[in-house]
Amino acid sequence: MESFIFMGKIIHKGCSVTQFNHTLKRSSTFFIFFYFFSIHTFFHKARKFFLLLCIDHVSKFFLYYESQSGGPDYKIPLGRRDGLTFASRQATLENLPPPSSNTTTILNSLATKNLDPTDVVSLSGGHTIGISHCSSFTNRLYPSQDPVMDQTFGKNLRLTCPTNTTDNTTVLDIRSPNTFDNRYYVDLMNRQGLFTSDQDLYTDRRTRGIVTSFAVNQSLFFEKFVFAMLKMGQLNVLTGNQGEIRANCSVRNANRKASLTSFVENVAQEFIEM
């Protein structure tokens, strides 16, 4: 039972999160540091009274980050139990189509998780904020530029990534890199999508109309994004006696029975110290 992050969202079991979405923008580093170190104590204590499980904590963080960047605010179903294993790097990669994937690969992969084309295009809109390393898109620049890519856009990318081994970074959305909005889809319509997996959504006839509808109607994008996020959040939910309620989100409970006893015994003291 493992956890994976796709476009900032847990899509498999548990709370075994070992890495954040690699596209998370660098300018958010301070925010992430401040967030975790200023309210982590509150969440750690509050979760003991309101059963805000580790997986809930992570989901709440991504919602807060996205909404604070201008995206939609919505209620997340809470209460799913935490997983018993950590997602390995290999398992994570196997569940995430690489940025070089075309639309067919992405649709086929996510169809196994009951996500349809509208869900896929909606979730891809998470690339309206974030950054990427050159290695994720230099296949579109070298040895020759992808003919689908806008010429000026490609020229500017080569300035950032002068070789196919450069380790620099650039924003995912050139129009509004720090705002969660629908400009990502405008990028695609102007052949300025960074990844193959982005731009091919507009090239492929199965998803082109969805991209266009989101580009001209931000409210529609937000509506479909929320629906897809909630839908994805319901995948492989652990309930009942499945998984565990972790005493410490970063590690499994060493002794599940002892941890539960400690959980109850510490409530009064934790409340006093809050």
Protein backbone atom coordinates (compact mmCIF):
# COMPACT_ATOMS: atom_id res chain seq x y z
CA MET A 1 0.00 0.00 0.00
CA GLU A 2 1.81 3.06 -1.25
CA SER A 3 1.44 6.76 -1.97
CA PHE A 4 2.30 8.69 -5.10
CA ILE A 5 2.05 12.37 -5.98
CA PHE A 6 0.63 13.40 -9.33
CA MET A 7 0.45 17.14 -10.06
CA GLY A 8 0.46 17.81 -6.35
CA LYS A 9 -2.10 15.23 -5.33
CA ILE A 10 -1.88 11.89 -3.57
CA ILE A 11 -3.25 9.24 -5.90
CA HIS A 12 -2.51 6.03 -4.03
CA LYS A 13 -2.81 4.63 -0.56
CA GLY A 14 -1.56 6.11 2.67
CA CYS A 15 0.57 9.01 3.76
CA SER A 16 3.99 7.69 2.81
CA VAL A 17 5.08 10.84 1.02
CA THR A 18 8.83 11.06 0.50
CA GLN A 19 9.03 13.74 -2.17
CA PHE A 20 7.05 16.69 -3.47
CA ASN A 21 6.04 17.31 -7.04
CA HIS A 22 9.31 18.06 -8.85
CA THR A 23 7.61 20.98 -10.61
CA LEU A 24 6.97 22.92 -7.39
CA LYS A 25 8.24 26.41 -8.07
CA ARG A 26 11.48 27.54 -6.41
CA SER A 27 9.93 30.81 -5.26
CA SER A 28 7.67 28.77 -3.00
CA THR A 29 10.58 27.38 -0.99
CA PHE A 30 10.28 30.01 1.73
CA PHE A 31 6.53 29.55 1.85
CA ILE A 32 6.88 25.79 2.29
CA PHE A 33 9.51 26.26 5.03
CA PHE A 34 7.37 28.84 6.83
CA TYR A 35 4.22 26.76 6.47
CA PHE A 36 5.62 23.58 7.92
CA PHE A 37 7.60 25.16 10.73
CA SER A 38 4.96 27.68 11.80
CA ILE A 39 1.81 25.53 11.83
CA HIS A 40 3.20 21.99 11.86
CA THR A 41 3.01 21.99 15.65
CA PHE A 42 -0.62 23.06 15.52
CA PHE A 43 -1.54 20.34 13.01
CA HIS A 44 0.43 17.71 14.92
CA LYS A 45 -1.56 18.49 18.04
CA ALA A 46 -4.92 19.27 16.48
CA ARG A 47 -4.95 16.01 14.52
CA LYS A 48 -5.04 14.15 17.83
CA PHE A 49 -8.37 15.72 18.74
CA PHE A 50 -10.01 15.91 15.34
CA LEU A 51 -8.41 12.84 13.74
CA LEU A 52 -6.70 14.93 11.09
CA LEU A 53 -4.67 12.03 9.76
CA CYS A 54 -1.29 12.38 8.08
CA ILE A 55 -2.79 11.94 4.63
CA ASP A 56 -5.27 14.70 5.49
CA HIS A 57 -2.39 16.94 6.58
CA VAL A 58 -0.64 16.56 3.22
CA SER A 59 -3.85 17.07 1.23
CA LYS A 60 -4.65 20.19 3.24
CA PHE A 61 -1.19 21.58 2.54
CA PHE A 62 -1.52 21.23 -1.22
CA LEU A 63 -5.01 22.75 -1.13
CA TYR A 64 -3.73 25.70 0.90
CA TYR A 65 -0.78 26.23 -1.43
CA GLU A 66 -2.95 26.04 -4.55
CA SER A 67 -5.71 28.33 -3.20
CA GLN A 68 -3.19 30.88 -1.92
CA SER A 69 -1.80 31.04 -5.46
CA GLY A 70 -5.20 32.05 -6.80
CA GLY A 71 -6.81 28.67 -7.37
CA PRO A 72 -10.21 27.42 -6.20
CA ASP A 73 -10.83 26.68 -2.54
CA TYR A 74 -12.88 23.59 -1.77
CA LYS A 75 -13.59 21.07 0.93
CA ILE A 76 -11.50 17.90 1.02
CA PRO A 77 -13.05 14.70 2.41
CA LEU A 78 -11.04 13.80 5.50
CA GLY A 79 -10.53 10.65 7.52
CA ARG A 80 -8.66 8.25 5.23
CA ARG A 81 -6.18 6.18 7.18
CA ASP A 82 -2.42 6.23 6.70
CA GLY A 83 -0.56 3.58 4.70
CA LEU A 84 1.78 0.93 6.04
CA THR A 85 4.53 1.25 3.43
CA PHE A 86 6.52 4.00 1.76
CA ALA A 87 6.39 4.49 -1.99
CA SER A 88 9.70 3.56 -3.57
CA ARG A 89 11.20 5.76 -6.28
CA GLN A 90 10.66 2.99 -8.81
CA ALA A 91 7.01 2.53 -7.88
CA THR A 92 6.46 6.28 -8.07
CA LEU A 93 7.98 6.53 -11.55
CA GLU A 94 5.92 3.57 -12.74
CA ASN A 95 2.74 5.41 -11.74
CA LEU A 96 3.68 8.79 -13.23
CA PRO A 97 3.85 9.19 -17.01
CA PRO A 98 7.10 11.09 -17.81
CA PRO A 99 6.94 14.61 -19.32
CA SER A 100 8.02 13.16 -22.66
CA SER A 101 4.78 11.17 -22.86
CA ASN A 102 2.23 11.89 -25.57
CA THR A 103 -1.50 12.14 -24.94
CA THR A 104 -2.17 8.51 -25.79
CA THR A 105 0.29 7.32 -23.16
CA ILE A 106 -1.14 9.64 -20.53
CA LEU A 107 -4.77 8.80 -21.25
CA ASN A 108 -4.06 5.07 -21.21
CA SER A 109 -2.07 5.30 -17.99
CA LEU A 110 -4.60 7.38 -16.07
CA ALA A 111 -7.57 5.47 -17.43
CA THR A 112 -6.39 2.63 -15.19
CA LYS A 113 -7.14 4.99 -12.29
CA ASN A 114 -10.60 5.77 -13.65
CA LEU A 115 -9.59 9.24 -14.86
CA ASP A 116 -11.13 10.33 -18.16
CA PRO A 117 -9.76 12.85 -20.73
CA THR A 118 -11.44 15.83 -19.03
CA ASP A 119 -9.90 14.78 -15.70
CA VAL A 120 -6.47 14.46 -17.32
CA VAL A 121 -6.61 17.87 -18.99
CA SER A 122 -7.93 19.44 -15.78
CA LEU A 123 -5.19 17.96 -13.62
CA SER A 124 -2.55 18.97 -16.15
CA GLY A 125 -3.64 22.51 -15.38
CA GLY A 126 -1.68 22.14 -12.16
CA HIS A 127 1.27 23.11 -14.35
CA THR A 128 -0.01 26.67 -14.25
CA ILE A 129 2.45 27.09 -11.37
CA GLY A 130 5.84 25.46 -10.82
CA ILE A 131 9.22 25.00 -12.40
CA SER A 132 11.03 22.30 -14.32
CA HIS A 133 14.64 21.28 -14.82
CA CYS A 134 15.98 21.40 -18.35
CA SER A 135 16.34 17.62 -18.42
CA SER A 136 12.54 17.27 -18.53
CA PHE A 137 12.17 19.05 -21.87
CA THR A 138 15.53 19.26 -23.68
CA ASN A 139 14.37 16.34 -25.83
CA ARG A 140 12.23 19.00 -27.54
CA LEU A 141 15.22 21.28 -28.15
CA TYR A 142 18.10 18.97 -29.11
CA PRO A 143 19.40 17.86 -31.50
CA SER A 144 16.71 19.94 -33.24
CA GLN A 145 13.71 21.88 -32.00
CA ASP A 146 10.30 20.22 -31.93
CA PRO A 147 8.49 21.71 -34.96
CA VAL A 148 5.30 21.98 -32.89
CA MET A 149 7.01 24.39 -30.48
CA ASP A 150 6.77 28.15 -31.08
CA GLN A 151 10.09 29.32 -32.54
CA THR A 152 10.62 32.27 -30.18
CA PHE A 153 9.63 30.18 -27.19
CA GLY A 154 12.15 27.52 -28.19
CA LYS A 155 14.89 30.11 -28.74
CA ASN A 156 14.38 31.49 -25.22
CA LEU A 157 14.43 27.99 -23.76
CA ARG A 158 17.77 27.32 -25.42
CA LEU A 159 19.16 30.39 -23.68
CA THR A 160 18.15 28.83 -20.38
CA CYS A 161 19.29 25.36 -21.42
CA PRO A 162 22.23 25.89 -23.82
CA THR A 163 23.02 22.15 -23.91
CA ASN A 164 21.06 18.97 -23.35
CA THR A 165 22.98 18.42 -20.10
CA THR A 166 22.27 21.82 -18.53
CA ASP A 167 20.72 21.63 -15.07
CA ASN A 168 18.97 25.02 -15.02
CA THR A 169 15.28 25.54 -14.35
CA THR A 170 12.45 27.51 -15.92
CA VAL A 171 8.80 28.18 -15.18
CA LEU A 172 6.06 25.92 -16.51
CA ASP A 173 3.67 28.76 -17.39
CA ILE A 174 5.35 31.76 -19.03
CA ARG A 175 2.26 33.98 -18.76
CA SER A 176 1.50 33.79 -15.04
CA PRO A 177 4.07 31.51 -13.37
CA ASN A 178 3.08 32.43 -9.81
CA THR A 179 -0.70 32.41 -10.21
CA PHE A 180 -3.04 29.44 -10.36
CA ASP A 181 -5.22 30.33 -13.34
CA ASN A 182 -6.13 29.16 -16.86
CA ARG A 183 -3.18 30.78 -18.66
CA TYR A 184 -1.47 27.40 -18.95
CA TYR A 185 -4.07 26.46 -21.56
CA VAL A 186 -3.47 29.73 -23.40
CA ASP A 187 0.20 28.70 -23.53
CA LEU A 188 -0.78 25.44 -25.20
CA MET A 189 -2.90 27.20 -27.80
CA ASN A 190 0.12 29.36 -28.63
CA ARG A 191 2.40 26.30 -28.90
CA GLN A 192 4.24 27.34 -25.73
CA GLY A 193 3.67 24.26 -23.62
CA LEU A 194 6.90 23.19 -21.95
CA PHE A 195 6.57 19.41 -21.92
CA THR A 196 5.52 17.07 -24.67
CA SER A 197 2.86 15.86 -22.25
CA ASP A 198 1.55 19.43 -22.04
CA GLN A 199 1.64 20.52 -25.67
CA ASP A 200 0.28 17.26 -27.05
CA LEU A 201 -2.97 17.88 -25.17
CA TYR A 202 -3.68 20.62 -27.71
CA THR A 203 -2.30 18.69 -30.67
CA ASP A 204 -4.40 15.59 -30.01
CA ARG A 205 -7.97 15.90 -31.30
CA ARG A 206 -9.33 13.98 -28.30
CA THR A 207 -8.26 16.68 -25.85
CA ARG A 208 -7.88 19.80 -28.01
CA GLY A 209 -11.47 20.94 -27.44
CA ILE A 210 -11.11 20.57 -23.66
CA VAL A 211 -7.94 22.69 -23.70
CA THR A 212 -9.71 25.37 -25.71
CA SER A 213 -12.74 25.43 -23.41
CA PHE A 214 -10.52 25.91 -20.36
CA ALA A 215 -8.45 28.60 -22.09
CA VAL A 216 -11.54 30.75 -22.64
CA ASN A 217 -13.37 29.92 -19.41
CA GLN A 218 -11.40 29.91 -16.16
CA SER A 219 -14.48 29.15 -14.07
CA LEU A 220 -15.04 25.98 -16.07
CA PHE A 221 -11.41 24.96 -15.55
CA PHE A 222 -11.69 25.51 -11.80
CA GLU A 223 -14.91 23.51 -11.66
CA LYS A 224 -13.44 20.55 -13.54
CA PHE A 225 -10.14 20.77 -11.65
CA VAL A 226 -11.90 20.49 -8.29
CA PHE A 227 -13.99 17.57 -9.55
CA ALA A 228 -10.89 15.74 -10.82
CA MET A 229 -8.94 16.38 -7.62
CA LEU A 230 -11.75 15.05 -5.45
CA LYS A 231 -12.18 12.07 -7.76
CA MET A 232 -8.47 11.27 -7.61
CA GLY A 233 -8.47 11.71 -3.85
CA GLN A 234 -10.94 8.84 -3.53
CA LEU A 235 -8.63 6.28 -5.11
CA ASN A 236 -7.78 3.30 -2.89
CA VAL A 237 -8.93 4.94 0.33
CA LEU A 238 -7.96 3.04 3.49
CA THR A 239 -10.77 2.72 6.03
CA GLY A 240 -11.82 0.53 8.95
CA ASN A 241 -8.91 -1.61 10.10
CA GLN A 242 -6.83 -0.94 6.99
CA GLY A 243 -3.61 1.01 7.38
CA GLU A 244 -3.02 2.88 10.62
CA ILE A 245 -3.36 6.19 12.42
CA ARG A 246 0.22 7.37 12.76
CA ALA A 247 1.53 8.91 15.94
CA ASN A 248 4.33 10.46 13.85
CA CYS A 249 3.61 11.21 10.20
CA SER A 250 7.20 10.61 9.10
CA VAL A 251 7.41 6.99 10.27
CA ARG A 252 5.24 3.92 10.69
CA ASN A 253 3.99 3.10 14.15
CA ALA A 254 6.53 0.72 15.71
CA ASN A 255 3.88 -0.93 17.83
CA ARG A 256 0.36 -0.26 16.60
CA LYS A 257 -1.37 -1.26 19.85
CA ALA A 258 1.10 0.66 21.99
CA SER A 259 0.82 3.69 19.72
CA LEU A 260 -2.96 3.73 20.06
CA THR A 261 -2.69 3.52 23.85
CA SER A 262 -0.16 6.35 23.87
CA PHE A 263 -2.41 8.34 21.54
CA VAL A 264 -5.25 8.26 24.09
CA GLU A 265 -3.08 8.82 27.16
CA ASN A 266 -1.41 11.91 25.72
CA VAL A 267 -4.57 13.77 24.69
CA ALA A 268 -5.08 15.61 27.98
CA GLN A 269 -1.44 16.68 28.23
CA GLU A 270 -1.32 17.81 24.60
CA PHE A 271 -4.46 19.88 25.11
CA ILE A 272 -2.90 21.61 28.13
CA GLU A 273 0.26 22.43 26.18
CA MET A 274 -1.53 23.87 23.12
